[in-house]
Every structure is written in C-alpha cells, then in structure tokens.
PDB file of all heavy atoms in Angstrom:
ATOM      1  N   GLU A   1       0.808  -1.229   0.000  1.00  0.00           N
ATOM      2  CA  GLU A   1       0.000   0.000   0.000  1.00  0.00           C
ATOM      3  C   GLU A   1       0.838   1.275   0.000  1.00  0.00           C
ATOM      4  O   GLU A   1       0.483   2.274   0.623  1.00  0.00           O
ATOM      5  CB  GLU A   1      -0.983  -0.001   1.182  1.00  0.00           C
ATOM      6  CG  GLU A   1      -1.970  -1.162   1.143  1.00  0.00           C
ATOM      7  CD  GLU A   1      -3.163  -0.950   2.043  1.00  0.00           C
ATOM      8  OE1 GLU A   1      -3.851   0.073   1.862  1.00  0.00           O
ATOM      9  OE2 GLU A   1      -3.399  -1.805   2.908  1.00  0.00           O
ATOM     10  N   MET A   2       1.942   1.267  -0.728  1.00  0.00           N
ATOM     11  CA  MET A   2       2.817   2.432  -0.740  1.00  0.00           C
ATOM     12  C   MET A   2       2.153   3.664  -1.366  1.00  0.00           C
ATOM     13  O   MET A   2       2.419   4.801  -0.938  1.00  0.00           O
ATOM     14  CB  MET A   2       4.119   2.101  -1.469  1.00  0.00           C
ATOM     15  CG  MET A   2       5.065   1.207  -0.660  1.00  0.00           C
ATOM     16  SD  MET A   2       5.484   1.921   0.957  1.00  0.00           S
ATOM     17  CE  MET A   2       6.258   3.454   0.477  1.00  0.00           C
ATOM     18  N   GLU A   3       1.305   3.477  -2.348  1.00  0.00           N
ATOM     19  CA  GLU A   3       0.638   4.640  -2.948  1.00  0.00           C
ATOM     20  C   GLU A   3      -0.279   5.318  -1.937  1.00  0.00           C
ATOM     21  O   GLU A   3      -0.318   6.558  -1.847  1.00  0.00           O
ATOM     22  CB  GLU A   3      -0.153   4.214  -4.185  1.00  0.00           C
ATOM     23  CG  GLU A   3       0.718   3.828  -5.373  1.00  0.00           C
ATOM     24  CD  GLU A   3      -0.112   3.550  -6.614  1.00  0.00           C
ATOM     25  OE1 GLU A   3      -1.349   3.741  -6.577  1.00  0.00           O
ATOM     26  OE2 GLU A   3       0.484   3.137  -7.632  1.00  0.00           O
ATOM     27  N   ARG A   4      -1.009   4.516  -1.178  1.00  0.00           N
ATOM     28  CA  ARG A   4      -1.890   5.094  -0.149  1.00  0.00           C
ATOM     29  C   ARG A   4      -1.072   5.789   0.941  1.00  0.00           C
ATOM     30  O   ARG A   4      -1.442   6.865   1.421  1.00  0.00           O
ATOM     31  CB  ARG A   4      -2.757   3.985   0.464  1.00  0.00           C
ATOM     32  CG  ARG A   4      -3.731   4.486   1.515  1.00  0.00           C
ATOM     33  CD  ARG A   4      -4.523   3.348   2.125  1.00  0.00           C
ATOM     34  NE  ARG A   4      -5.255   3.773   3.306  1.00  0.00           N
ATOM     35  CZ  ARG A   4      -5.727   2.953   4.231  1.00  0.00           C
ATOM     36  NH1 ARG A   4      -5.560   1.639   4.094  1.00  0.00           N
ATOM     37  NH2 ARG A   4      -6.363   3.420   5.290  1.00  0.00           N
ATOM     38  N   ILE A   5       0.046   5.197   1.316  1.00  0.00           N
ATOM     39  CA  ILE A   5       0.912   5.797   2.332  1.00  0.00           C
ATOM     40  C   ILE A   5       1.471   7.120   1.831  1.00  0.00           C
ATOM     41  O   ILE A   5       1.477   8.128   2.552  1.00  0.00           O
ATOM     42  CB  ILE A   5       2.050   4.833   2.710  1.00  0.00           C
ATOM     43  CG1 ILE A   5       1.483   3.595   3.423  1.00  0.00           C
ATOM     44  CG2 ILE A   5       3.080   5.529   3.599  1.00  0.00           C
ATOM     45  CD1 ILE A   5       2.488   2.476   3.630  1.00  0.00           C
ATOM     46  N   GLU A   6       1.942   7.139   0.604  1.00  0.00           N
ATOM     47  CA  GLU A   6       2.522   8.367   0.040  1.00  0.00           C
ATOM     48  C   GLU A   6       1.493   9.488   0.010  1.00  0.00           C
ATOM     49  O   GLU A   6       1.807  10.643   0.334  1.00  0.00           O
ATOM     50  CB  GLU A   6       3.042   8.091  -1.368  1.00  0.00           C
ATOM     51  CG  GLU A   6       3.821   9.233  -1.988  1.00  0.00           C
ATOM     52  CD  GLU A   6       5.196   9.425  -1.374  1.00  0.00           C
ATOM     53  OE1 GLU A   6       5.694   8.501  -0.713  1.00  0.00           O
ATOM     54  OE2 GLU A   6       5.761  10.517  -1.567  1.00  0.00           O
ATOM     55  N   LEU A   7       0.268   9.185  -0.357  1.00  0.00           N
ATOM     56  CA  LEU A   7      -0.788  10.199  -0.380  1.00  0.00           C
ATOM     57  C   LEU A   7      -1.062  10.723   1.024  1.00  0.00           C
ATOM     58  O   LEU A   7      -1.256  11.926   1.226  1.00  0.00           O
ATOM     59  CB  LEU A   7      -2.060   9.613  -0.994  1.00  0.00           C
ATOM     60  CG  LEU A   7      -3.257  10.564  -1.117  1.00  0.00           C
ATOM     61  CD1 LEU A   7      -2.913  11.746  -2.006  1.00  0.00           C
ATOM     62  CD2 LEU A   7      -4.481   9.827  -1.655  1.00  0.00           C
ATOM     63  N   ALA A   8      -1.074   9.816   2.004  1.00  0.00           N
ATOM     64  CA  ALA A   8      -1.306  10.236   3.387  1.00  0.00           C
ATOM     65  C   ALA A   8      -0.181  11.136   3.885  1.00  0.00           C
ATOM     66  O   ALA A   8      -0.429  12.146   4.566  1.00  0.00           O
ATOM     67  CB  ALA A   8      -1.451   9.007   4.283  1.00  0.00           C
ATOM     68  N   LEU A   9       1.058  10.817   3.557  1.00  0.00           N
ATOM     69  CA  LEU A   9       2.193  11.652   3.957  1.00  0.00           C
ATOM     70  C   LEU A   9       2.116  13.020   3.303  1.00  0.00           C
ATOM     71  O   LEU A   9       2.443  14.041   3.918  1.00  0.00           O
ATOM     72  CB  LEU A   9       3.506  10.964   3.575  1.00  0.00           C
ATOM     73  CG  LEU A   9       3.832   9.654   4.296  1.00  0.00           C
ATOM     74  CD1 LEU A   9       5.067   9.005   3.677  1.00  0.00           C
ATOM     75  CD2 LEU A   9       4.038   9.871   5.792  1.00  0.00           C
ATOM     76  N   MET A  10       1.660  13.055   2.075  1.00  0.00           N
ATOM     77  CA  MET A  10       1.538  14.316   1.341  1.00  0.00           C
ATOM     78  C   MET A  10       0.558  15.264   2.024  1.00  0.00           C
ATOM     79  O   MET A  10       0.753  16.478   2.049  1.00  0.00           O
ATOM     80  CB  MET A  10       1.086  14.026  -0.097  1.00  0.00           C
ATOM     81  CG  MET A  10       1.008  15.250  -0.993  1.00  0.00           C
ATOM     82  SD  MET A  10       0.358  14.828  -2.639  1.00  0.00           S
ATOM     83  CE  MET A  10       1.545  13.601  -3.165  1.00  0.00           C
ATOM     84  N   ASN A  11      -0.490  14.693   2.616  1.00  0.00           N
ATOM     85  CA  ASN A  11      -1.554  15.513   3.200  1.00  0.00           C
ATOM     86  C   ASN A  11      -1.456  15.665   4.711  1.00  0.00           C
ATOM     87  O   ASN A  11      -2.270  16.370   5.315  1.00  0.00           O
ATOM     88  CB  ASN A  11      -2.911  14.902   2.849  1.00  0.00           C
ATOM     89  CG  ASN A  11      -3.207  14.961   1.364  1.00  0.00           C
ATOM     90  OD1 ASN A  11      -2.944  15.970   0.711  1.00  0.00           O
ATOM     91  ND2 ASN A  11      -3.728  13.873   0.795  1.00  0.00           N
ATOM     92  N   ALA A  12      -0.484  15.018   5.331  1.00  0.00           N
ATOM     93  CA  ALA A  12      -0.409  14.994   6.789  1.00  0.00           C
ATOM     94  C   ALA A  12      -0.112  16.365   7.377  1.00  0.00           C
ATOM     95  O   ALA A  12       0.791  17.067   6.926  1.00  0.00           O
ATOM     96  CB  ALA A  12       0.654  13.996   7.241  1.00  0.00           C
ATOM     97  N   GLY A  13      -0.885  16.727   8.408  1.00  0.00           N
ATOM     98  CA  GLY A  13      -0.567  17.912   9.190  1.00  0.00           C
ATOM     99  C   GLY A  13       0.383  17.578  10.325  1.00  0.00           C
ATOM    100  O   GLY A  13       1.043  18.458  10.885  1.00  0.00           O
ATOM    101  N   LEU A  14       0.450  16.285  10.670  1.00  0.00           N
ATOM    102  CA  LEU A  14       1.339  15.816  11.726  1.00  0.00           C
ATOM    103  C   LEU A  14       1.810  14.411  11.372  1.00  0.00           C
ATOM    104  O   LEU A  14       0.999  13.549  11.011  1.00  0.00           O
ATOM    105  CB  LEU A  14       0.616  15.795  13.076  1.00  0.00           C
ATOM    106  CG  LEU A  14       1.360  15.159  14.261  1.00  0.00           C
ATOM    107  CD1 LEU A  14       2.623  15.960  14.598  1.00  0.00           C
ATOM    108  CD2 LEU A  14       0.444  15.069  15.482  1.00  0.00           C
ATOM    109  N   PHE A  15       3.117  14.195  11.458  1.00  0.00           N
ATOM    110  CA  PHE A  15       3.702  12.871  11.269  1.00  0.00           C
ATOM    111  C   PHE A  15       4.434  12.495  12.542  1.00  0.00           C
ATOM    112  O   PHE A  15       5.294  13.234  13.025  1.00  0.00           O
ATOM    113  CB  PHE A  15       4.675  12.860  10.088  1.00  0.00           C
ATOM    114  CG  PHE A  15       5.447  11.562   9.962  1.00  0.00           C
ATOM    115  CD1 PHE A  15       4.805  10.399   9.566  1.00  0.00           C
ATOM    116  CD2 PHE A  15       6.802  11.524  10.242  1.00  0.00           C
ATOM    117  CE1 PHE A  15       5.518   9.201   9.461  1.00  0.00           C
ATOM    118  CE2 PHE A  15       7.518  10.345  10.135  1.00  0.00           C
ATOM    119  CZ  PHE A  15       6.876   9.180   9.743  1.00  0.00           C
ATOM    120  N   VAL A  16       4.077  11.333  13.101  1.00  0.00           N
ATOM    121  CA  VAL A  16       4.673  10.864  14.349  1.00  0.00           C
ATOM    122  C   VAL A  16       5.302   9.498  14.108  1.00  0.00           C
ATOM    123  O   VAL A  16       4.644   8.582  13.613  1.00  0.00           O
ATOM    124  CB  VAL A  16       3.619  10.750  15.468  1.00  0.00           C
ATOM    125  CG1 VAL A  16       4.296  10.407  16.794  1.00  0.00           C
ATOM    126  CG2 VAL A  16       2.820  12.040  15.599  1.00  0.00           C
ATOM    127  N   SER A  17       6.567   9.364  14.455  1.00  0.00           N
ATOM    128  CA  SER A  17       7.277   8.091  14.330  1.00  0.00           C
ATOM    129  C   SER A  17       7.525   7.532  15.722  1.00  0.00           C
ATOM    130  O   SER A  17       8.076   8.220  16.588  1.00  0.00           O
ATOM    131  CB  SER A  17       8.611   8.296  13.601  1.00  0.00           C
ATOM    132  OG  SER A  17       9.340   7.087  13.529  1.00  0.00           O
ATOM    133  N   ILE A  18       7.116   6.275  15.935  1.00  0.00           N
ATOM    134  CA  ILE A  18       7.179   5.676  17.276  1.00  0.00           C
ATOM    135  C   ILE A  18       7.899   4.334  17.212  1.00  0.00           C
ATOM    136  O   ILE A  18       7.503   3.438  16.464  1.00  0.00           O
ATOM    137  CB  ILE A  18       5.768   5.458  17.852  1.00  0.00           C
ATOM    138  CG1 ILE A  18       4.987   6.778  17.909  1.00  0.00           C
ATOM    139  CG2 ILE A  18       5.837   4.818  19.235  1.00  0.00           C
ATOM    140  CD1 ILE A  18       3.520   6.595  18.297  1.00  0.00           C
ATOM    141  N   GLY A  19       8.943   4.197  18.015  1.00  0.00           N
ATOM    142  CA  GLY A  19       9.580   2.898  18.193  1.00  0.00           C
ATOM    143  C   GLY A  19      10.270   2.344  16.974  1.00  0.00           C
ATOM    144  O   GLY A  19      10.277   1.134  16.762  1.00  0.00           O
ATOM    145  N   THR A  20      10.870   3.211  16.161  1.00  0.00           N
ATOM    146  CA  THR A  20      11.541   2.746  14.947  1.00  0.00           C
ATOM    147  C   THR A  20      13.045   2.982  15.053  1.00  0.00           C
ATOM    148  O   THR A  20      13.503   3.914  15.722  1.00  0.00           O
ATOM    149  CB  THR A  20      11.011   3.448  13.699  1.00  0.00           C
ATOM    150  OG1 THR A  20      11.380   4.829  13.736  1.00  0.00           O
ATOM    151  CG2 THR A  20       9.504   3.327  13.610  1.00  0.00           C
ATOM    152  N   SER A  21      13.799   2.156  14.332  1.00  0.00           N
ATOM    153  CA  SER A  21      15.261   2.297  14.331  1.00  0.00           C
ATOM    154  C   SER A  21      15.724   3.395  13.390  1.00  0.00           C
ATOM    155  O   SER A  21      16.820   3.942  13.542  1.00  0.00           O
ATOM    156  CB  SER A  21      15.911   0.974  13.916  1.00  0.00           C
ATOM    157  OG  SER A  21      15.617   0.678  12.558  1.00  0.00           O
ATOM    158  N   GLY A  22      14.903   3.712  12.380  1.00  0.00           N
ATOM    159  CA  GLY A  22      15.303   4.698  11.382  1.00  0.00           C
ATOM    160  C   GLY A  22      16.288   4.147  10.373  1.00  0.00           C
ATOM    161  O   GLY A  22      16.904   4.913   9.620  1.00  0.00           O
ATOM    162  N   ASN A  23      16.425   2.823  10.316  1.00  0.00           N
ATOM    163  CA  ASN A  23      17.380   2.190   9.410  1.00  0.00           C
ATOM    164  C   ASN A  23      16.730   1.485   8.229  1.00  0.00           C
ATOM    165  O   ASN A  23      17.427   1.110   7.277  1.00  0.00           O
ATOM    166  CB  ASN A  23      18.233   1.160  10.171  1.00  0.00           C
ATOM    167  CG  ASN A  23      19.215   1.814  11.118  1.00  0.00           C
ATOM    168  OD1 ASN A  23      19.926   2.724  10.730  1.00  0.00           O
ATOM    169  ND2 ASN A  23      19.253   1.350  12.364  1.00  0.00           N
ATOM    170  N   VAL A  24      15.420   1.243   8.296  1.00  0.00           N
ATOM    171  CA  VAL A  24      14.757   0.403   7.295  1.00  0.00           C
ATOM    172  C   VAL A  24      13.954   1.281   6.344  1.00  0.00           C
ATOM    173  O   VAL A  24      13.042   1.996   6.758  1.00  0.00           O
ATOM    174  CB  VAL A  24      13.829  -0.631   7.974  1.00  0.00           C
ATOM    175  CG1 VAL A  24      13.139  -1.497   6.924  1.00  0.00           C
ATOM    176  CG2 VAL A  24      14.620  -1.499   8.937  1.00  0.00           C
ATOM    177  N   TYR A  25      14.329   1.226   5.081  1.00  0.00           N
ATOM    178  CA  TYR A  25      13.609   1.989   4.055  1.00  0.00           C
ATOM    179  C   TYR A  25      12.602   1.089   3.352  1.00  0.00           C
ATOM    180  O   TYR A  25      12.771  -0.123   3.318  1.00  0.00           O
ATOM    181  CB  TYR A  25      14.623   2.558   3.049  1.00  0.00           C
ATOM    182  CG  TYR A  25      15.381   3.735   3.601  1.00  0.00           C
ATOM    183  CD1 TYR A  25      16.504   3.538   4.408  1.00  0.00           C
ATOM    184  CD2 TYR A  25      14.954   5.034   3.359  1.00  0.00           C
ATOM    185  CE1 TYR A  25      17.190   4.619   4.943  1.00  0.00           C
ATOM    186  CE2 TYR A  25      15.638   6.127   3.885  1.00  0.00           C
ATOM    187  CZ  TYR A  25      16.757   5.904   4.688  1.00  0.00           C
ATOM    188  OH  TYR A  25      17.416   6.986   5.215  1.00  0.00           O
ATOM    189  N   PRO A  26      11.511   1.673   2.856  1.00  0.00           N
ATOM    190  CA  PRO A  26      11.257   3.113   2.696  1.00  0.00           C
ATOM    191  C   PRO A  26      10.728   3.837   3.937  1.00  0.00           C
ATOM    192  O   PRO A  26      10.642   5.057   3.928  1.00  0.00           O
ATOM    193  CB  PRO A  26      10.218   3.154   1.578  1.00  0.00           C
ATOM    194  CG  PRO A  26       9.462   1.878   1.723  1.00  0.00           C
ATOM    195  CD  PRO A  26      10.483   0.857   2.148  1.00  0.00           C
ATOM    196  N   ALA A  27      10.375   3.114   4.998  1.00  0.00           N
ATOM    197  CA  ALA A  27       9.774   3.772   6.165  1.00  0.00           C
ATOM    198  C   ALA A  27      10.680   4.850   6.752  1.00  0.00           C
ATOM    199  O   ALA A  27      10.210   5.902   7.199  1.00  0.00           O
ATOM    200  CB  ALA A  27       9.427   2.735   7.230  1.00  0.00           C
ATOM    201  N   ALA A  28      11.990   4.607   6.742  1.00  0.00           N
ATOM    202  CA  ALA A  28      12.916   5.590   7.301  1.00  0.00           C
ATOM    203  C   ALA A  28      12.905   6.903   6.526  1.00  0.00           C
ATOM    204  O   ALA A  28      13.326   7.945   7.047  1.00  0.00           O
ATOM    205  CB  ALA A  28      14.330   5.011   7.332  1.00  0.00           C
ATOM    206  N   GLY A  29      12.403   6.871   5.300  1.00  0.00           N
ATOM    207  CA  GLY A  29      12.333   8.082   4.492  1.00  0.00           C
ATOM    208  C   GLY A  29      11.034   8.845   4.609  1.00  0.00           C
ATOM    209  O   GLY A  29      10.889   9.911   3.983  1.00  0.00           O
ATOM    210  N   PHE A  30      10.103   8.351   5.398  1.00  0.00           N
ATOM    211  CA  PHE A  30       8.801   9.025   5.498  1.00  0.00           C
ATOM    212  C   PHE A  30       8.933  10.439   6.053  1.00  0.00           C
ATOM    213  O   PHE A  30       8.247  11.364   5.604  1.00  0.00           O
ATOM    214  CB  PHE A  30       7.844   8.215   6.374  1.00  0.00           C
ATOM    215  CG  PHE A  30       7.343   6.940   5.744  1.00  0.00           C
ATOM    216  CD1 PHE A  30       6.542   6.060   6.477  1.00  0.00           C
ATOM    217  CD2 PHE A  30       7.668   6.590   4.434  1.00  0.00           C
ATOM    218  CE1 PHE A  30       6.075   4.879   5.917  1.00  0.00           C
ATOM    219  CE2 PHE A  30       7.207   5.416   3.859  1.00  0.00           C
ATOM    220  CZ  PHE A  30       6.409   4.558   4.608  1.00  0.00           C
ATOM    221  N   VAL A  31       9.785  10.617   7.064  1.00  0.00           N
ATOM    222  CA  VAL A  31       9.934  11.950   7.657  1.00  0.00           C
ATOM    223  C   VAL A  31      10.467  12.928   6.625  1.00  0.00           C
ATOM    224  O   VAL A  31      10.043  14.098   6.575  1.00  0.00           O
ATOM    225  CB  VAL A  31      10.835  11.906   8.914  1.00  0.00           C
ATOM    226  CG1 VAL A  31      12.242  11.404   8.592  1.00  0.00           C
ATOM    227  CG2 VAL A  31      10.906  13.279   9.564  1.00  0.00           C
ATOM    228  N   ASP A  32      11.387  12.483   5.778  1.00  0.00           N
ATOM    229  CA  ASP A  32      11.920  13.356   4.739  1.00  0.00           C
ATOM    230  C   ASP A  32      10.836  13.711   3.728  1.00  0.00           C
ATOM    231  O   ASP A  32      10.773  14.844   3.231  1.00  0.00           O
ATOM    232  CB  ASP A  32      13.093  12.677   4.040  1.00  0.00           C
ATOM    233  CG  ASP A  32      13.799  13.604   3.063  1.00  0.00           C
ATOM    234  OD1 ASP A  32      14.113  14.749   3.446  1.00  0.00           O
ATOM    235  OD2 ASP A  32      14.007  13.194   1.908  1.00  0.00           O
ATOM    236  N   ALA A  33       9.958  12.745   3.420  1.00  0.00           N
ATOM    237  CA  ALA A  33       8.856  13.024   2.497  1.00  0.00           C
ATOM    238  C   ALA A  33       7.945  14.107   3.056  1.00  0.00           C
ATOM    239  O   ALA A  33       7.548  15.030   2.335  1.00  0.00           O
ATOM    240  CB  ALA A  33       8.065  11.744   2.226  1.00  0.00           C
ATOM    241  N   VAL A  34       7.610  14.020   4.331  1.00  0.00           N
ATOM    242  CA  VAL A  34       6.748  15.025   4.955  1.00  0.00           C
ATOM    243  C   VAL A  34       7.429  16.392   4.925  1.00  0.00           C
ATOM    244  O   VAL A  34       6.792  17.425   4.665  1.00  0.00           O
ATOM    245  CB  VAL A  34       6.390  14.609   6.400  1.00  0.00           C
ATOM    246  CG1 VAL A  34       5.612  15.720   7.099  1.00  0.00           C
ATOM    247  CG2 VAL A  34       5.582  13.320   6.400  1.00  0.00           C
TER     248      VAL A  34
END
C-alpha cells in the first residue's frame, strides 16, 4: 500500500514516528517526504 501511504504523507498535518530504528527503508524516508 505504498501509494496510499505516500498520499497520506503528502496531506499529513502531523507525522509521528514511534519505536523505529530509522534504518529500514522506505519507512525511514517518510519523515523526509513530509
């Protein structure tokens, strides 16, 4: 569901990352997308 995730990141007013290592992509790149 990467297309749905990308759309949600595009429209997010708040992005919160919880309990992640920040090493695994593409999830580690979500903050940069926002």
